[in-house]
Amino acid sequence: MPPPMHSPVEKRSITIRGHRTSVSLEAPFWAALKEKAAADGRSLSALIADIDDGNDGNLSSALRVHVLEWLQGRLDS
């Protein structure tokens, strides 16, 4: 069995509703978020702000779950 694939974590500074914060995610999650933002016709910051609105925990985890649910939805349709 091949070893698990690991993607280095990328820490990025973003602005959410005028507030600067840092988010750490693996590269495939950043790529998927950018793709979803483009598909929705909005900026990455706007997408992350919307995800953060419903979040009462860790933002990085919320972003990963959002990407997973979005990709699962694409598979189901």
N, C-alpha and C. Protein backbone atom coordinates (compact mmCIF):
# COMPACT_ATOMS: atom_id res chain seq x y z
N MET A 1 0.85 -1.18 0.00
CA MET A 1 0.00 0.00 0.00
C MET A 1 0.90 1.24 0.00
N PRO A 2 0.61 2.21 -0.88
CA PRO A 2 1.45 3.41 -0.94
C PRO A 2 1.26 4.26 0.31
N PRO A 3 2.28 5.02 0.67
CA PRO A 3 2.13 5.90 1.83
C PRO A 3 1.11 6.98 1.55
N PRO A 4 0.47 7.50 2.60
CA PRO A 4 -0.51 8.57 2.38
C PRO A 4 0.15 9.80 1.79
N MET A 5 -0.61 10.50 0.95
CA MET A 5 -0.09 11.72 0.34
C MET A 5 -0.29 12.87 1.32
N HIS A 6 0.74 13.66 1.46
CA HIS A 6 0.66 14.81 2.36
C HIS A 6 0.89 16.08 1.56
N SER A 7 0.12 17.06 1.86
CA SER A 7 0.28 18.36 1.24
C SER A 7 0.68 19.33 2.33
N PRO A 8 1.72 20.11 2.10
CA PRO A 8 2.13 21.04 3.14
C PRO A 8 1.04 22.06 3.44
N VAL A 9 0.99 22.44 4.68
CA VAL A 9 0.02 23.44 5.11
C VAL A 9 0.52 24.81 4.69
N GLU A 10 -0.38 25.59 4.10
CA GLU A 10 -0.07 26.95 3.68
C GLU A 10 -0.83 27.91 4.59
N LYS A 11 -0.11 28.80 5.22
CA LYS A 11 -0.72 29.81 6.07
C LYS A 11 -0.86 31.08 5.25
N ARG A 12 -2.08 31.61 5.19
CA ARG A 12 -2.35 32.83 4.42
C ARG A 12 -3.07 33.84 5.28
N SER A 13 -2.74 35.09 5.06
CA SER A 13 -3.45 36.19 5.72
C SER A 13 -4.59 36.62 4.82
N ILE A 14 -5.76 36.76 5.41
CA ILE A 14 -6.93 37.20 4.66
C ILE A 14 -7.66 38.27 5.46
N THR A 15 -8.47 39.03 4.78
CA THR A 15 -9.29 40.05 5.44
C THR A 15 -10.75 39.62 5.36
N ILE A 16 -11.38 39.53 6.51
CA ILE A 16 -12.79 39.16 6.59
C ILE A 16 -13.52 40.34 7.22
N ARG A 17 -14.38 41.00 6.43
CA ARG A 17 -15.15 42.15 6.91
C ARG A 17 -14.26 43.17 7.62
N GLY A 18 -13.12 43.48 6.99
CA GLY A 18 -12.21 44.49 7.51
C GLY A 18 -11.27 44.01 8.61
N HIS A 19 -11.38 42.76 9.01
CA HIS A 19 -10.54 42.21 10.07
C HIS A 19 -9.52 41.25 9.47
N ARG A 20 -8.26 41.49 9.75
CA ARG A 20 -7.18 40.66 9.21
C ARG A 20 -6.99 39.43 10.10
N THR A 21 -6.90 38.24 9.48
CA THR A 21 -6.66 37.01 10.22
C THR A 21 -5.81 36.07 9.37
N SER A 22 -5.27 35.04 9.98
CA SER A 22 -4.49 34.04 9.27
C SER A 22 -5.23 32.72 9.29
N VAL A 23 -5.14 32.01 8.18
CA VAL A 23 -5.78 30.70 8.05
C VAL A 23 -4.76 29.73 7.49
N SER A 24 -4.69 28.55 8.09
CA SER A 24 -3.77 27.50 7.63
C SER A 24 -4.56 26.35 7.04
N LEU A 25 -4.29 26.06 5.77
CA LEU A 25 -4.94 24.95 5.06
C LEU A 25 -3.94 24.29 4.13
N GLU A 26 -4.20 23.05 3.79
CA GLU A 26 -3.40 22.36 2.79
C GLU A 26 -3.73 22.92 1.41
N ALA A 27 -2.75 22.85 0.51
CA ALA A 27 -2.88 23.44 -0.83
C ALA A 27 -4.15 22.99 -1.57
N PRO A 28 -4.53 21.71 -1.53
CA PRO A 28 -5.75 21.32 -2.26
C PRO A 28 -7.02 22.01 -1.75
N PHE A 29 -7.06 22.33 -0.46
CA PHE A 29 -8.23 23.04 0.06
C PHE A 29 -8.25 24.49 -0.42
N TRP A 30 -7.08 25.14 -0.47
CA TRP A 30 -7.02 26.50 -1.02
C TRP A 30 -7.47 26.49 -2.48
N ALA A 31 -7.00 25.50 -3.24
CA ALA A 31 -7.37 25.42 -4.66
C ALA A 31 -8.87 25.23 -4.82
N ALA A 32 -9.47 24.36 -4.00
CA ALA A 32 -10.90 24.11 -4.10
C ALA A 32 -11.70 25.35 -3.70
N LEU A 33 -11.26 26.06 -2.67
CA LEU A 33 -11.95 27.29 -2.27
C LEU A 33 -11.89 28.34 -3.37
N LYS A 34 -10.73 28.48 -4.01
CA LYS A 34 -10.61 29.43 -5.13
C LYS A 34 -11.55 29.04 -6.27
N GLU A 35 -11.61 27.75 -6.56
CA GLU A 35 -12.49 27.27 -7.63
C GLU A 35 -13.95 27.56 -7.31
N LYS A 36 -14.35 27.30 -6.07
CA LYS A 36 -15.74 27.56 -5.68
C LYS A 36 -16.05 29.05 -5.72
N ALA A 37 -15.14 29.87 -5.23
CA ALA A 37 -15.36 31.32 -5.27
C ALA A 37 -15.54 31.79 -6.71
N ALA A 38 -14.70 31.32 -7.61
CA ALA A 38 -14.80 31.70 -9.02
C ALA A 38 -16.12 31.22 -9.61
N ALA A 39 -16.52 30.00 -9.28
CA ALA A 39 -17.78 29.45 -9.79
C ALA A 39 -18.97 30.26 -9.28
N ASP A 40 -18.85 30.80 -8.07
CA ASP A 40 -19.91 31.61 -7.48
C ASP A 40 -19.84 33.07 -7.94
N GLY A 41 -18.76 33.43 -8.65
CA GLY A 41 -18.60 34.80 -9.11
C GLY A 41 -18.28 35.79 -8.01
N ARG A 42 -17.50 35.35 -7.03
CA ARG A 42 -17.13 36.26 -5.94
C ARG A 42 -15.69 36.02 -5.53
N SER A 43 -15.21 36.88 -4.67
CA SER A 43 -13.83 36.78 -4.23
C SER A 43 -13.67 35.66 -3.19
N LEU A 44 -12.44 35.23 -3.04
CA LEU A 44 -12.13 34.23 -2.03
C LEU A 44 -12.46 34.77 -0.64
N SER A 45 -12.14 36.02 -0.39
CA SER A 45 -12.44 36.63 0.91
C SER A 45 -13.94 36.65 1.19
N ALA A 46 -14.75 36.93 0.18
CA ALA A 46 -16.21 36.94 0.37
C ALA A 46 -16.73 35.55 0.70
N LEU A 47 -16.21 34.54 0.01
CA LEU A 47 -16.61 33.16 0.29
C LEU A 47 -16.24 32.78 1.71
N ILE A 48 -15.01 33.08 2.10
CA ILE A 48 -14.56 32.73 3.45
C ILE A 48 -15.37 33.48 4.51
N ALA A 49 -15.71 34.74 4.24
CA ALA A 49 -16.53 35.50 5.18
C ALA A 49 -17.90 34.85 5.36
N ASP A 50 -18.50 34.38 4.27
CA ASP A 50 -19.80 33.72 4.36
C ASP A 50 -19.70 32.42 5.17
N ILE A 51 -18.64 31.66 4.94
CA ILE A 51 -18.43 30.42 5.69
C ILE A 51 -18.22 30.75 7.17
N ASP A 52 -17.47 31.81 7.44
CA ASP A 52 -17.19 32.20 8.81
C ASP A 52 -18.45 32.67 9.53
N ASP A 53 -19.42 33.24 8.81
CA ASP A 53 -20.67 33.70 9.44
C ASP A 53 -21.38 32.57 10.17
N GLY A 54 -21.35 31.37 9.63
CA GLY A 54 -22.02 30.24 10.27
C GLY A 54 -21.10 29.42 11.15
N ASN A 55 -19.93 29.93 11.42
CA ASN A 55 -18.91 29.17 12.14
C ASN A 55 -18.81 29.63 13.58
N ASP A 56 -18.83 28.69 14.52
CA ASP A 56 -18.61 29.06 15.91
C ASP A 56 -17.42 28.30 16.49
N GLY A 57 -16.54 27.84 15.59
CA GLY A 57 -15.36 27.11 16.03
C GLY A 57 -14.14 27.53 15.25
N ASN A 58 -13.33 26.57 14.91
CA ASN A 58 -12.10 26.79 14.19
C ASN A 58 -12.38 27.07 12.71
N LEU A 59 -11.90 28.20 12.20
CA LEU A 59 -12.18 28.60 10.82
C LEU A 59 -11.55 27.63 9.82
N SER A 60 -10.33 27.19 10.07
CA SER A 60 -9.69 26.24 9.14
C SER A 60 -10.52 24.97 9.01
N SER A 61 -11.01 24.46 10.13
CA SER A 61 -11.86 23.26 10.09
C SER A 61 -13.15 23.52 9.34
N ALA A 62 -13.76 24.68 9.58
CA ALA A 62 -15.00 25.02 8.88
C ALA A 62 -14.78 25.09 7.38
N LEU A 63 -13.64 25.62 6.96
CA LEU A 63 -13.35 25.70 5.52
C LEU A 63 -13.16 24.32 4.92
N ARG A 64 -12.47 23.43 5.63
CA ARG A 64 -12.29 22.06 5.14
C ARG A 64 -13.63 21.35 4.99
N VAL A 65 -14.49 21.49 5.99
CA VAL A 65 -15.81 20.85 5.94
C VAL A 65 -16.63 21.42 4.79
N HIS A 66 -16.56 22.73 4.59
CA HIS A 66 -17.30 23.37 3.49
C HIS A 66 -16.85 22.81 2.15
N VAL A 67 -15.54 22.69 1.95
CA VAL A 67 -15.00 22.13 0.70
C VAL A 67 -15.48 20.70 0.53
N LEU A 68 -15.41 19.90 1.58
CA LEU A 68 -15.84 18.51 1.50
C LEU A 68 -17.31 18.41 1.10
N GLU A 69 -18.16 19.21 1.75
CA GLU A 69 -19.60 19.18 1.43
C GLU A 69 -19.85 19.65 0.00
N TRP A 70 -19.13 20.66 -0.45
CA TRP A 70 -19.29 21.17 -1.82
C TRP A 70 -18.89 20.09 -2.83
N LEU A 71 -17.76 19.44 -2.60
CA LEU A 71 -17.31 18.41 -3.52
C LEU A 71 -18.24 17.20 -3.50
N GLN A 72 -18.74 16.83 -2.34
CA GLN A 72 -19.70 15.72 -2.26
C GLN A 72 -20.97 16.07 -3.03
N GLY A 73 -21.41 17.30 -2.93
CA GLY A 73 -22.60 17.75 -3.67
C GLY A 73 -22.39 17.66 -5.17
N ARG A 74 -21.19 17.96 -5.62
CA ARG A 74 -20.88 17.87 -7.06
C ARG A 74 -20.90 16.42 -7.51
N LEU A 75 -20.48 15.50 -6.66
CA LEU A 75 -20.49 14.09 -7.01
C LEU A 75 -21.91 13.53 -7.06
N ASP A 76 -22.76 14.04 -6.17
CA ASP A 76 -24.14 13.55 -6.09
C ASP A 76 -25.02 14.05 -7.24
N SER A 77 -24.60 15.14 -7.90
CA SER A 77 -25.46 15.69 -8.96
C SER A 77 -25.12 15.17 -10.32
